[in-house]
Amino acid sequence: MDASDLITAFVALFVIIDPIGLTPLFAALTQGDPQSRRRAVGIRACLVALFILSLFTIFGEAVLGFVGISMPAFRIAGGILLFLTALDMLFERRTKRREDKADEEEDGDDPSVFPLAIPLIAGPGAIATVILLAGRDPGLPGILSTIGVTVAVLLVVFALFLTAGLLERLLGRVGINVVTRLLGMLLAALSVQFVLDGLRAFGMAD
């Protein structure tokens, strides 16, 4: 990937993981915990998410080939999935579902693996995105680039987790809703680009 591709990949994964939208949920899941425990929970959640996303980055295309799904078909399907996610973000349905999943977490349990790592960080959208990104540049360079972008996004996630309380106070619920909708618009455009890439691979678009 060149610099522009890396930036596009970073933006795509950043938008689908939505660290800003996750931060208030992280604050709610760790409410009342000391900063040291919040840091430990954030580290575990990001490491587990990195492991899962790296696994799908490396073996995702091989799994698709095993079940007879071509990368262009997966690009189109992934683009449609991301577009539906963008609609959820624009109409706040995604935030509501995430809050419901957060509410399922029992008090006193460690939320780092569930629901933080799975499915809030490494959810279906993020998994589809890393497979799509790795498929744009087949081989080791594409895999390493995608994992590097994943690490960069997860570092942002962790940094925002550390400032969860402060960010929530600064933005407020209205500010977070505005940012989430803006990210939804950006994700919608990126998802359409994924579909166009798939159609182009099939020779159906110029």
Protein backbone atom coordinates (compact mmCIF):
# COMPACT_ATOMS: atom_id res chain seq x y z
CA MET A 1 0.00 0.00 0.00
CA ASP A 2 1.17 3.53 -0.72
CA ALA A 3 0.59 6.46 1.63
CA SER A 4 -2.88 7.27 0.29
CA ASP A 5 -3.94 3.62 0.57
CA LEU A 6 -2.70 3.47 4.16
CA ILE A 7 -4.63 6.62 5.05
CA THR A 8 -7.78 5.22 3.42
CA ALA A 9 -7.32 1.92 5.26
CA PHE A 10 -6.81 3.71 8.56
CA VAL A 11 -9.92 5.84 8.06
CA ALA A 12 -12.03 2.83 7.04
CA LEU A 13 -11.04 0.79 10.10
CA PHE A 14 -11.23 3.81 12.41
CA VAL A 15 -14.76 4.57 11.27
CA ILE A 16 -16.01 0.99 11.54
CA ILE A 17 -14.51 0.47 15.03
CA ASP A 18 -15.62 3.98 16.04
CA PRO A 19 -13.31 4.62 19.05
CA ILE A 20 -15.14 7.85 19.92
CA GLY A 21 -18.44 6.04 20.16
CA LEU A 22 -16.85 3.22 22.17
CA THR A 23 -15.28 5.51 24.75
CA PRO A 24 -18.47 6.37 26.68
CA LEU A 25 -19.36 2.67 26.78
CA PHE A 26 -15.90 1.88 28.13
CA ALA A 27 -16.44 4.54 30.78
CA ALA A 28 -19.79 2.98 31.71
CA LEU A 29 -18.38 -0.57 31.86
CA THR A 30 -15.52 0.53 34.13
CA GLN A 31 -17.47 3.08 36.14
CA GLY A 32 -16.03 3.53 39.62
CA ASP A 33 -12.87 1.53 38.83
CA PRO A 34 -9.45 3.01 39.64
CA GLN A 35 -7.35 4.25 36.72
CA SER A 36 -4.99 1.26 37.05
CA ARG A 37 -7.82 -1.24 36.48
CA ARG A 38 -9.22 0.83 33.61
CA ARG A 39 -5.78 0.74 32.01
CA ALA A 40 -5.51 -3.05 32.46
CA VAL A 41 -8.98 -3.64 31.02
CA GLY A 42 -8.20 -1.40 28.04
CA ILE A 43 -4.90 -3.19 27.33
CA ARG A 44 -6.52 -6.64 27.47
CA ALA A 45 -9.42 -5.59 25.26
CA CYS A 46 -7.13 -4.12 22.60
CA LEU A 47 -4.75 -7.09 22.63
CA VAL A 48 -7.59 -9.60 22.24
CA ALA A 49 -9.09 -7.51 19.42
CA LEU A 50 -5.67 -7.29 17.73
CA PHE A 51 -5.27 -11.08 17.89
CA ILE A 52 -8.70 -11.68 16.34
CA LEU A 53 -8.33 -9.08 13.59
CA SER A 54 -4.79 -10.25 12.77
CA LEU A 55 -6.04 -13.83 12.51
CA PHE A 56 -8.66 -12.81 9.95
CA THR A 57 -6.15 -10.59 8.14
CA ILE A 58 -3.81 -13.55 7.62
CA PHE A 59 -6.26 -16.39 7.05
CA GLY A 60 -9.44 -14.62 6.01
CA GLU A 61 -8.88 -14.86 2.24
CA ALA A 62 -7.80 -18.52 2.52
CA VAL A 63 -11.01 -19.31 4.39
CA LEU A 64 -13.01 -17.55 1.69
CA GLY A 65 -11.23 -19.54 -1.00
CA PHE A 66 -11.92 -22.77 0.88
CA VAL A 67 -15.67 -22.12 0.83
CA GLY A 68 -15.57 -20.91 -2.79
CA ILE A 69 -16.09 -17.17 -2.29
CA SER A 70 -14.05 -14.85 -4.52
CA MET A 71 -12.52 -11.61 -3.20
CA PRO A 72 -14.57 -9.43 -5.57
CA ALA A 73 -17.77 -11.05 -4.25
CA PHE A 74 -16.60 -10.53 -0.69
CA ARG A 75 -15.72 -6.90 -1.44
CA ILE A 76 -19.26 -6.29 -2.66
CA ALA A 77 -20.82 -8.13 0.28
CA GLY A 78 -18.49 -6.37 2.72
CA GLY A 79 -19.30 -3.01 1.16
CA ILE A 80 -23.03 -3.66 1.59
CA LEU A 81 -22.44 -4.71 5.22
CA LEU A 82 -20.45 -1.54 5.90
CA PHE A 83 -23.16 0.55 4.24
CA LEU A 84 -25.79 -0.97 6.54
CA THR A 85 -23.51 -0.19 9.48
CA ALA A 86 -23.24 3.40 8.23
CA LEU A 87 -27.04 3.66 8.15
CA ASP A 88 -27.18 2.38 11.71
CA MET A 89 -24.66 5.05 12.76
CA LEU A 90 -26.57 7.79 10.97
CA PHE A 91 -29.86 6.83 12.63
CA GLU A 92 -28.27 5.94 16.02
CA ARG A 93 -29.39 2.31 15.89
CA ARG A 94 -25.78 1.10 16.23
CA THR A 95 -25.24 3.09 19.43
CA LYS A 96 -28.43 1.65 20.90
CA ARG A 97 -27.34 -1.92 20.13
CA ARG A 98 -23.90 -1.30 21.64
CA GLU A 99 -25.50 0.12 24.78
CA ASP A 100 -27.76 -2.94 25.02
CA LYS A 101 -24.70 -5.22 24.77
CA ALA A 102 -22.96 -3.13 27.42
CA ASP A 103 -26.01 -3.45 29.68
CA GLU A 104 -25.77 -7.23 29.43
CA GLU A 105 -22.39 -7.12 31.19
CA GLU A 106 -22.83 -8.04 34.84
CA ASP A 107 -21.38 -5.83 37.53
CA GLY A 108 -18.00 -6.89 38.88
CA ASP A 109 -17.03 -9.01 35.86
CA ASP A 110 -14.08 -8.24 33.60
CA PRO A 111 -15.52 -6.64 30.43
CA SER A 112 -12.23 -6.72 28.49
CA VAL A 113 -12.98 -9.79 26.35
CA PHE A 114 -16.77 -9.53 26.26
CA PRO A 115 -18.29 -7.16 25.37
CA LEU A 116 -15.31 -4.84 24.69
CA ALA A 117 -12.97 -6.92 22.50
CA ILE A 118 -15.83 -8.99 21.06
CA PRO A 119 -18.08 -7.71 19.59
CA LEU A 120 -17.61 -3.99 20.25
CA ILE A 121 -14.06 -3.64 18.83
CA ALA A 122 -13.51 -6.76 16.72
CA GLY A 123 -17.06 -7.08 15.46
CA PRO A 124 -18.31 -8.37 12.09
CA GLY A 125 -17.74 -4.99 10.44
CA ALA A 126 -14.12 -4.75 11.58
CA ILE A 127 -13.44 -8.36 10.57
CA ALA A 128 -14.92 -7.77 7.11
CA THR A 129 -12.88 -4.57 6.78
CA VAL A 130 -9.49 -6.16 7.52
CA ILE A 131 -10.19 -9.00 5.07
CA LEU A 132 -11.13 -6.46 2.41
CA LEU A 133 -8.06 -4.31 3.10
CA ALA A 134 -5.67 -7.27 3.02
CA GLY A 135 -7.27 -8.45 -0.22
CA ARG A 136 -6.49 -5.15 -1.95
CA ASP A 137 -2.78 -5.97 -1.85
CA PRO A 138 -2.42 -9.79 -1.78
CA GLY A 139 0.63 -11.30 -0.15
CA LEU A 140 2.84 -10.47 2.80
CA PRO A 141 3.03 -6.68 2.16
CA GLY A 142 -0.76 -6.38 2.26
CA ILE A 143 -0.99 -8.47 5.42
CA LEU A 144 1.72 -6.45 7.21
CA SER A 145 0.20 -3.15 6.08
CA THR A 146 -3.25 -4.15 7.31
CA ILE A 147 -1.92 -5.37 10.65
CA GLY A 148 0.06 -2.12 10.98
CA VAL A 149 -3.07 -0.07 10.32
CA THR A 150 -4.98 -2.23 12.83
CA VAL A 151 -2.32 -1.59 15.48
CA ALA A 152 -2.48 2.16 14.80
CA VAL A 153 -6.27 2.24 15.17
CA LEU A 154 -6.17 0.15 18.34
CA LEU A 155 -3.58 2.52 19.82
CA VAL A 156 -6.07 5.34 19.25
CA VAL A 157 -8.77 3.18 20.86
CA PHE A 158 -6.57 2.59 23.90
CA ALA A 159 -5.59 6.27 24.16
CA LEU A 160 -9.25 7.29 24.13
CA PHE A 161 -10.06 4.60 26.70
CA LEU A 162 -7.55 6.24 29.02
CA THR A 163 -9.31 9.58 28.63
CA ALA A 164 -12.83 8.12 28.78
CA GLY A 165 -14.06 10.23 31.64
CA LEU A 166 -12.58 13.49 30.31
CA LEU A 167 -13.85 12.95 26.74
CA GLU A 168 -17.35 12.17 27.96
CA ARG A 169 -17.45 15.40 29.95
CA LEU A 170 -16.04 17.49 27.06
CA LEU A 171 -18.26 16.20 24.25
CA GLY A 172 -21.38 15.29 26.12
CA ARG A 173 -24.02 13.00 24.67
CA VAL A 174 -24.98 15.48 21.95
CA GLY A 175 -21.36 15.95 20.83
CA ILE A 176 -20.80 12.19 20.63
CA ASN A 177 -23.98 11.78 18.56
CA VAL A 178 -22.81 14.48 16.12
CA VAL A 179 -19.38 12.87 15.69
CA THR A 180 -20.94 9.42 15.24
CA ARG A 181 -23.21 10.69 12.45
CA LEU A 182 -20.32 12.39 10.68
CA LEU A 183 -18.35 9.13 10.83
CA GLY A 184 -21.42 7.35 9.47
CA MET A 185 -21.46 9.58 6.40
CA LEU A 186 -17.78 8.88 5.79
CA LEU A 187 -18.29 5.15 6.22
CA ALA A 188 -21.17 5.20 3.72
CA ALA A 189 -18.88 6.71 1.07
CA LEU A 190 -16.12 4.18 1.82
CA SER A 191 -18.56 1.27 1.64
CA VAL A 192 -19.72 2.38 -1.81
CA GLN A 193 -16.07 2.44 -2.87
CA PHE A 194 -15.67 -1.17 -1.72
CA VAL A 195 -18.67 -2.18 -3.84
CA LEU A 196 -17.25 -0.33 -6.86
CA ASP A 197 -13.89 -2.08 -6.35
CA GLY A 198 -15.67 -5.44 -6.39
CA LEU A 199 -17.64 -4.59 -9.51
CA ARG A 200 -14.47 -3.34 -11.21
CA ALA A 201 -12.75 -6.65 -10.42
CA PHE A 202 -15.65 -8.40 -12.13
CA GLY A 203 -15.25 -6.06 -15.12
CA MET A 204 -18.65 -4.45 -14.49
CA ALA A 205 -17.39 -0.93 -13.68
CA ASP A 206 -14.66 1.35 -15.03
